[in-house]
Amino acid sequence: MLRFPATSRYPLLGVVLFVVGMGTTSAAFAATVAGSGGVTDDEQGLASALINAARQVGAALGVAVLLSVAATSTQGSTGSAAALAGGYRTAMTVAAGLALVAAVISVRFVGGRTRRGSTALGVSGGTNGNGIRRSRDVEKHPVLSS
């Protein structure tokens, strides 16, 4: 999207926005799984509420900050479509930089937490023979324990 001129065609923009939407959906799903992993069944509602509240606050703050960046970069311009596109281009560059920083932080602090022999997401109790611990509820369940 950073390369689109002010006179872009809508079908091309639609394709890019579709890809961005699919990526956002995938990231939201992964964040929900990561955020609710390791949480007991009794606390899943609380974890879900915290994840969704954080997502909403982050989206609101992100839009406000990026629109401020876009407005600041177009300040003093004539208000043409090219100046507006330039402001949005600057805001998207800032967003890409922030996404890169977030990815580095995620890899550094979150990546590799689940290893063989350790507790996998949302499970605790005995092992299943592969070195991964099993949920106590699975061991008690007549169908899932077999």
Protein backbone atom coordinates (compact mmCIF):
# COMPACT_ATOMS: atom_id res chain seq x y z
CA MET A 1 0.00 0.00 0.00
CA LEU A 2 2.97 2.27 0.48
CA ARG A 3 3.58 2.28 -3.28
CA PHE A 4 0.05 3.30 -4.36
CA PRO A 5 -0.11 6.66 -6.09
CA ALA A 6 -2.99 9.02 -5.34
CA THR A 7 -4.71 7.89 -8.55
CA SER A 8 -4.85 4.15 -7.70
CA ARG A 9 -7.59 1.95 -9.02
CA TYR A 10 -10.10 0.48 -6.61
CA PRO A 11 -9.78 -3.20 -7.65
CA LEU A 12 -6.07 -3.25 -6.84
CA LEU A 13 -6.73 -1.55 -3.52
CA GLY A 14 -9.45 -4.13 -2.83
CA VAL A 15 -7.01 -7.00 -3.35
CA VAL A 16 -4.49 -5.44 -0.97
CA LEU A 17 -7.15 -4.77 1.66
CA PHE A 18 -8.38 -8.36 1.35
CA VAL A 19 -4.86 -9.67 2.04
CA VAL A 20 -4.47 -7.27 4.97
CA GLY A 21 -7.84 -8.41 6.36
CA MET A 22 -6.85 -12.07 6.14
CA GLY A 23 -3.56 -11.34 7.91
CA THR A 24 -5.32 -9.38 10.62
CA THR A 25 -7.80 -12.19 11.18
CA SER A 26 -5.00 -14.74 11.41
CA ALA A 27 -3.11 -12.57 13.87
CA ALA A 28 -6.22 -12.05 16.01
CA PHE A 29 -6.84 -15.80 16.12
CA ALA A 30 -3.22 -16.51 17.08
CA ALA A 31 -3.33 -13.82 19.77
CA THR A 32 -6.52 -15.31 21.22
CA VAL A 33 -5.01 -18.79 21.33
CA ALA A 34 -1.80 -17.50 22.90
CA GLY A 35 -3.66 -15.32 25.40
CA SER A 36 -6.07 -18.00 26.57
CA GLY A 37 -3.54 -20.83 26.64
CA GLY A 38 -2.69 -22.06 30.11
CA VAL A 39 -5.85 -20.54 31.57
CA THR A 40 -8.17 -22.83 33.49
CA ASP A 41 -11.66 -23.47 32.18
CA ASP A 42 -13.13 -21.40 35.00
CA GLU A 43 -11.13 -18.33 33.91
CA GLN A 44 -11.57 -18.59 30.11
CA GLY A 45 -14.28 -15.89 30.11
CA LEU A 46 -12.04 -13.49 31.99
CA ALA A 47 -9.11 -14.19 29.68
CA SER A 48 -11.32 -13.67 26.63
CA ALA A 49 -12.63 -10.37 28.01
CA LEU A 50 -9.10 -9.13 28.69
CA ILE A 51 -7.93 -10.11 25.21
CA ASN A 52 -10.86 -8.39 23.52
CA ALA A 53 -10.59 -5.25 25.68
CA ALA A 54 -6.87 -4.99 24.93
CA ARG A 55 -7.56 -5.43 21.21
CA GLN A 56 -10.22 -2.68 21.24
CA VAL A 57 -8.07 -0.22 23.21
CA GLY A 58 -5.08 -0.97 20.99
CA ALA A 59 -7.11 -0.41 17.83
CA ALA A 60 -8.52 2.88 19.11
CA LEU A 61 -5.12 4.18 20.18
CA GLY A 62 -3.47 2.91 17.00
CA VAL A 63 -5.96 4.67 14.73
CA ALA A 64 -5.64 7.90 16.72
CA VAL A 65 -1.84 7.86 16.65
CA LEU A 66 -1.59 6.94 12.96
CA LEU A 67 -4.11 9.59 11.92
CA SER A 68 -2.13 12.12 13.97
CA VAL A 69 1.03 11.08 12.11
CA ALA A 70 -0.78 11.40 8.78
CA ALA A 71 -2.18 14.83 9.68
CA THR A 72 1.19 16.06 10.93
CA SER A 73 2.98 14.95 7.77
CA THR A 74 0.43 16.73 5.53
CA GLN A 75 0.38 19.92 7.60
CA GLY A 76 1.09 22.94 5.45
CA SER A 77 0.18 21.12 2.23
CA THR A 78 -2.41 22.38 -0.19
CA GLY A 79 -4.86 19.59 0.63
CA SER A 80 -4.40 17.81 -2.67
CA ALA A 81 -4.93 14.10 -3.13
CA ALA A 82 -1.18 13.61 -3.51
CA ALA A 83 -0.51 15.29 -0.15
CA LEU A 84 -3.17 13.16 1.51
CA ALA A 85 -1.72 9.99 -0.02
CA GLY A 86 1.73 11.08 1.18
CA GLY A 87 0.42 11.52 4.73
CA TYR A 88 -1.18 8.08 4.69
CA ARG A 89 2.02 6.62 3.25
CA THR A 90 3.97 8.07 6.18
CA ALA A 91 1.43 6.70 8.66
CA MET A 92 1.60 3.23 7.09
CA THR A 93 5.40 3.31 7.24
CA VAL A 94 5.18 4.10 10.97
CA ALA A 95 2.64 1.26 11.39
CA ALA A 96 4.95 -1.17 9.57
CA GLY A 97 7.83 -0.15 11.82
CA LEU A 98 5.73 -0.67 14.94
CA ALA A 99 4.60 -4.07 13.65
CA LEU A 100 8.23 -5.05 13.09
CA VAL A 101 9.13 -3.99 16.64
CA ALA A 102 6.16 -5.98 17.99
CA ALA A 103 7.26 -9.06 16.01
CA VAL A 104 10.79 -8.84 17.39
CA ILE A 105 9.47 -8.50 20.94
CA SER A 106 7.13 -11.46 20.41
CA VAL A 107 9.88 -13.69 19.08
CA ARG A 108 12.25 -12.65 21.84
CA PHE A 109 9.94 -12.99 24.82
CA VAL A 110 7.13 -15.35 23.76
CA GLY A 111 8.63 -17.69 21.16
CA GLY A 112 9.81 -21.12 22.27
CA ARG A 113 7.98 -21.27 25.58
CA THR A 114 6.45 -24.67 24.92
CA ARG A 115 9.06 -27.38 24.61
CA ARG A 116 8.91 -31.14 24.78
CA GLY A 117 8.49 -32.20 28.38
CA SER A 118 6.97 -28.88 29.41
CA THR A 119 3.39 -27.83 29.76
CA ALA A 120 1.67 -27.17 26.44
CA LEU A 121 -1.05 -24.56 26.03
CA GLY A 122 -3.87 -25.11 28.47
CA VAL A 123 -2.83 -28.50 29.76
CA SER A 124 -1.57 -29.75 33.08
CA GLY A 125 -1.37 -33.08 34.81
CA GLY A 126 0.30 -36.35 33.73
CA THR A 127 2.10 -37.03 30.45
CA ASN A 128 0.68 -38.73 27.38
CA GLY A 129 3.81 -40.73 26.53
CA ASN A 130 5.25 -38.08 24.22
CA GLY A 131 6.56 -36.00 27.10
CA ILE A 132 3.69 -33.53 26.84
CA ARG A 133 1.54 -33.19 29.92
CA ARG A 134 -2.13 -34.04 29.72
CA SER A 135 -5.06 -32.25 31.24
CA ARG A 136 -6.49 -33.76 34.38
CA ASP A 137 -9.95 -33.43 32.82
CA VAL A 138 -8.88 -35.49 29.80
CA GLU A 139 -7.63 -38.26 32.08
CA LYS A 140 -11.00 -38.41 33.85
CA HIS A 141 -13.12 -38.21 30.69
CA PRO A 142 -14.26 -41.69 29.59
CA VAL A 143 -14.00 -41.01 25.83
CA LEU A 144 -10.99 -38.67 25.69
CA SER A 145 -8.78 -40.72 28.00
CA SER A 146 -8.60 -43.71 25.64
